[in-house]
């Protein structure tokens, strides 16, 4: 009976991690689209980056960073899922995953104090969810490779 319970637990864990990886590949695509709407002026840039951007030039720099980070997230989790042929070394992935986890936690805190209510209401829970998903993947990697 114990083996069945362990297999059930492992299957649930694998499903959670699989959902986390898929989420970290899909949701950033929509975030990139959102940021492209900001770059093109469809959405005002006053609702992002804490509502503290002061010029179009500044917005373009910050949006480039945001889009770049989201592309990195997609690539990293696609590599983690085995969708990319080129594999990153385990240690490099761990460093990047921990870095992203820290970034998502910091971004969650920053969103709580944002001037824009949209950042508070929409992006605070989203960045927290990203942090949780990233942590789930980090933990699954530990159980797969305890020396890492």
Protein backbone atom coordinates (compact mmCIF):
# COMPACT_ATOMS: atom_id res chain seq x y z
CA UNK A 1 0.00 0.00 0.00
CA UNK A 2 2.87 2.34 0.82
CA UNK A 3 4.34 1.94 -2.69
CA UNK A 4 0.99 2.88 -4.24
CA UNK A 5 0.76 5.99 -2.06
CA UNK A 6 4.32 6.98 -2.99
CA UNK A 7 3.62 6.46 -6.69
CA UNK A 8 0.46 8.57 -6.39
CA UNK A 9 2.38 11.33 -4.59
CA UNK A 10 5.14 11.30 -7.20
CA UNK A 11 2.59 11.44 -10.03
CA UNK A 12 0.89 14.46 -8.40
CA UNK A 13 4.26 16.18 -7.98
CA UNK A 14 5.20 15.45 -11.60
CA UNK A 15 1.87 16.88 -12.79
CA UNK A 16 2.33 20.06 -10.69
CA UNK A 17 5.83 20.57 -12.05
CA UNK A 18 4.63 19.87 -15.59
CA UNK A 19 1.88 22.48 -15.21
CA UNK A 20 4.40 24.94 -13.77
CA UNK A 21 6.77 24.45 -16.72
CA UNK A 22 3.94 24.81 -19.26
CA UNK A 23 2.65 27.90 -17.47
CA UNK A 24 6.12 29.44 -17.52
CA UNK A 25 6.25 28.92 -21.28
CA UNK A 26 2.70 30.09 -22.11
CA UNK A 27 1.96 33.02 -19.78
CA UNK A 28 5.10 35.00 -20.76
CA UNK A 29 3.93 34.92 -24.40
CA UNK A 30 0.85 36.89 -23.35
CA UNK A 31 3.00 39.21 -21.24
CA UNK A 32 5.20 39.89 -24.28
CA UNK A 33 2.09 40.71 -26.31
CA UNK A 34 0.98 43.05 -23.51
CA UNK A 35 4.38 44.78 -23.56
CA UNK A 36 4.25 45.08 -27.35
CA UNK A 37 0.93 46.92 -26.90
CA UNK A 38 2.75 49.29 -24.55
CA UNK A 39 5.63 49.80 -27.00
CA UNK A 40 3.20 50.57 -29.84
CA UNK A 41 1.17 52.96 -27.67
CA UNK A 42 -2.03 50.90 -27.66
CA UNK A 43 -1.69 50.69 -23.87
CA UNK A 44 -0.26 53.70 -22.00
CA UNK A 45 3.13 53.13 -20.39
CA UNK A 46 1.95 54.90 -17.23
CA UNK A 47 0.43 51.62 -16.01
CA UNK A 48 3.71 49.67 -15.89
CA UNK A 49 7.02 49.90 -14.07
CA UNK A 50 5.34 51.21 -10.96
CA UNK A 51 3.81 54.11 -12.87
CA UNK A 52 7.17 55.89 -12.63
CA UNK A 53 8.31 56.08 -16.26
CA UNK A 54 8.81 59.66 -17.42
CA UNK A 55 9.47 59.45 -21.16
CA UNK A 56 8.98 57.34 -24.26
CA UNK A 57 12.74 56.72 -24.46
CA UNK A 58 12.78 55.44 -20.87
CA UNK A 59 9.73 53.27 -21.59
CA UNK A 60 11.44 51.70 -24.62
CA UNK A 61 14.50 50.80 -22.54
CA UNK A 62 12.45 49.28 -19.73
CA UNK A 63 10.14 47.44 -22.13
CA UNK A 64 13.15 45.97 -23.94
CA UNK A 65 14.37 44.62 -20.59
CA UNK A 66 10.94 43.19 -19.77
CA UNK A 67 10.52 41.53 -23.16
CA UNK A 68 14.08 40.15 -22.95
CA UNK A 69 13.47 38.64 -19.51
CA UNK A 70 10.23 37.05 -20.69
CA UNK A 71 12.00 35.56 -23.73
CA UNK A 72 14.68 34.20 -21.37
CA UNK A 73 11.97 32.66 -19.17
CA UNK A 74 10.34 30.97 -22.16
CA UNK A 75 13.68 29.63 -23.43
CA UNK A 76 14.80 28.41 -20.02
CA UNK A 77 11.59 26.53 -19.27
CA UNK A 78 11.45 25.15 -22.84
CA UNK A 79 14.97 23.80 -22.23
CA UNK A 80 13.85 22.41 -18.87
CA UNK A 81 10.96 20.63 -20.60
CA UNK A 82 13.35 19.22 -23.21
CA UNK A 83 11.88 21.17 -26.13
CA UNK A 84 15.21 22.70 -27.09
CA UNK A 85 18.00 20.61 -28.55
CA UNK A 86 20.76 22.64 -26.99
CA UNK A 87 20.85 21.77 -23.30
CA UNK A 88 22.24 24.07 -20.66
CA UNK A 89 24.42 22.59 -17.95
CA UNK A 90 22.49 21.71 -14.79
CA UNK A 91 24.45 24.22 -12.68
CA UNK A 92 23.78 27.11 -15.09
CA UNK A 93 20.05 26.32 -15.12
CA UNK A 94 20.02 26.24 -11.31
CA UNK A 95 21.72 29.63 -11.09
CA UNK A 96 19.32 31.17 -13.61
CA UNK A 97 16.27 29.57 -11.94
CA UNK A 98 17.28 30.91 -8.52
CA UNK A 99 17.96 34.32 -10.09
CA UNK A 100 14.51 34.33 -11.70
CA UNK A 101 12.92 33.23 -8.43
CA UNK A 102 14.55 36.18 -6.67
CA UNK A 103 13.50 38.52 -9.46
CA UNK A 104 9.89 37.33 -9.25
CA UNK A 105 9.82 37.79 -5.46
CA UNK A 106 11.32 41.28 -5.76
CA UNK A 107 8.88 42.15 -8.54
CA UNK A 108 5.96 40.93 -6.45
CA UNK A 109 6.99 43.21 -3.59
CA UNK A 110 7.51 46.12 -6.00
CA UNK A 111 4.08 45.55 -7.54
CA UNK A 112 2.46 45.78 -4.10
CA UNK A 113 3.88 49.32 -3.81
CA UNK A 114 3.23 50.33 -7.44
CA UNK A 115 1.37 53.55 -8.21
CA UNK A 116 -0.71 51.78 -10.86
CA UNK A 117 -3.67 49.83 -9.52
CA UNK A 118 -3.37 47.48 -12.54
CA UNK A 119 0.08 46.42 -11.36
CA UNK A 120 -1.22 45.90 -7.85
CA UNK A 121 -4.30 43.92 -8.83
CA UNK A 122 -3.09 41.95 -11.86
CA UNK A 123 0.69 41.73 -11.77
CA UNK A 124 1.21 41.17 -8.05
CA UNK A 125 -0.56 37.78 -8.11
CA UNK A 126 0.99 36.95 -11.49
CA UNK A 127 4.58 37.51 -10.38
CA UNK A 128 3.84 35.61 -7.16
CA UNK A 129 2.52 32.71 -9.26
CA UNK A 130 5.71 32.85 -11.35
CA UNK A 131 7.76 32.67 -8.15
CA UNK A 132 5.78 29.64 -6.95
CA UNK A 133 6.10 27.86 -10.30
CA UNK A 134 9.83 28.58 -10.46
CA UNK A 135 10.29 27.29 -6.92
CA UNK A 136 8.40 24.09 -7.78
CA UNK A 137 10.76 23.46 -10.69
CA UNK A 138 13.80 24.20 -8.51
CA UNK A 139 12.57 21.73 -5.88
CA UNK A 140 11.88 19.05 -8.49
CA UNK A 141 15.42 19.49 -9.82
CA UNK A 142 16.79 18.98 -6.28
CA UNK A 143 14.94 15.67 -5.92
CA UNK A 144 16.19 14.55 -9.36
CA UNK A 145 19.81 15.56 -8.65
CA UNK A 146 20.38 15.87 -4.89
CA UNK A 147 24.02 16.95 -5.32
CA UNK A 148 23.01 20.10 -7.23
